[in-house]
Amino acid sequence: MTDARGDRVPQLHDPVAGDAESGRGLRIVEAYAERWGVEEAPAGGKTVWAEVVPDRGGT
């Protein structure tokens, strides 16, 4: 995913409350991806990428 907000680099935070409306996205990515990262994109943006492995994180 690429967006124009290069100033807001994604980071894992402490777990959020069960009724929180946000804060779970990178935890989900981390559970299913072998690895993930952030790269600079043109015009000051950023690209978040992930390499997903079959059967990882599944139930």
Protein backbone atom coordinates (compact mmCIF):
# COMPACT_ATOMS: atom_id res chain seq x y z
CA MET A 1 0.00 0.00 0.00
CA THR A 2 1.36 3.42 -0.89
CA ASP A 3 0.17 6.71 0.52
CA ALA A 4 1.26 10.33 0.63
CA ARG A 5 1.88 10.45 4.41
CA GLY A 6 5.60 9.72 4.48
CA ASP A 7 5.82 11.52 7.82
CA ARG A 8 3.72 8.81 9.54
CA VAL A 9 5.80 5.63 9.59
CA PRO A 10 3.89 2.57 10.83
CA GLN A 11 5.05 1.08 14.14
CA LEU A 12 3.86 -1.78 16.30
CA HIS A 13 2.32 -0.50 19.52
CA ASP A 14 1.26 -2.22 22.71
CA PRO A 15 -1.92 -4.28 22.28
CA VAL A 16 -5.07 -2.19 22.21
CA ALA A 17 -8.24 -2.65 24.24
CA GLY A 18 -10.78 -5.10 22.87
CA ASP A 19 -13.26 -2.32 22.13
CA ALA A 20 -10.74 0.04 20.46
CA GLU A 21 -11.69 1.24 16.97
CA SER A 22 -8.14 1.14 15.58
CA GLY A 23 -4.64 -0.10 16.30
CA ARG A 24 -4.79 -3.71 15.11
CA GLY A 25 -3.65 -3.43 11.49
CA LEU A 26 0.06 -4.09 11.91
CA ARG A 27 -0.63 -6.83 14.46
CA ILE A 28 -2.65 -8.63 11.78
CA VAL A 29 0.12 -8.06 9.21
CA GLU A 30 2.72 -9.35 11.67
CA ALA A 31 0.67 -12.49 12.38
CA TYR A 32 0.35 -13.48 8.71
CA ALA A 33 3.50 -12.08 7.09
CA GLU A 34 6.93 -13.67 7.02
CA ARG A 35 8.31 -10.13 6.97
CA TRP A 36 7.12 -6.60 6.31
CA GLY A 37 8.59 -3.13 6.03
CA VAL A 38 8.26 0.47 4.94
CA GLU A 39 10.04 2.21 2.06
CA GLU A 40 10.05 5.81 0.89
CA ALA A 41 7.80 6.49 -2.08
CA PRO A 42 7.93 9.37 -4.59
CA ALA A 43 6.89 12.85 -3.49
CA GLY A 44 7.51 12.19 0.21
CA GLY A 45 5.13 9.27 0.54
CA LYS A 46 5.66 5.74 1.82
CA THR A 47 4.98 2.18 0.74
CA VAL A 48 4.20 -0.51 3.28
CA TRP A 49 4.90 -4.02 1.98
CA ALA A 50 4.50 -7.55 3.35
CA GLU A 51 5.49 -11.05 2.26
CA VAL A 52 2.73 -13.45 3.19
CA VAL A 53 3.41 -17.16 3.67
CA PRO A 54 0.60 -19.70 3.16
CA ASP A 55 -0.74 -21.23 6.39
CA ARG A 56 1.07 -18.79 8.67
CA GLY A 57 -1.09 -17.41 11.47
CA GLY A 58 -4.10 -19.46 10.41
CA THR A 59 -6.30 -21.35 12.82
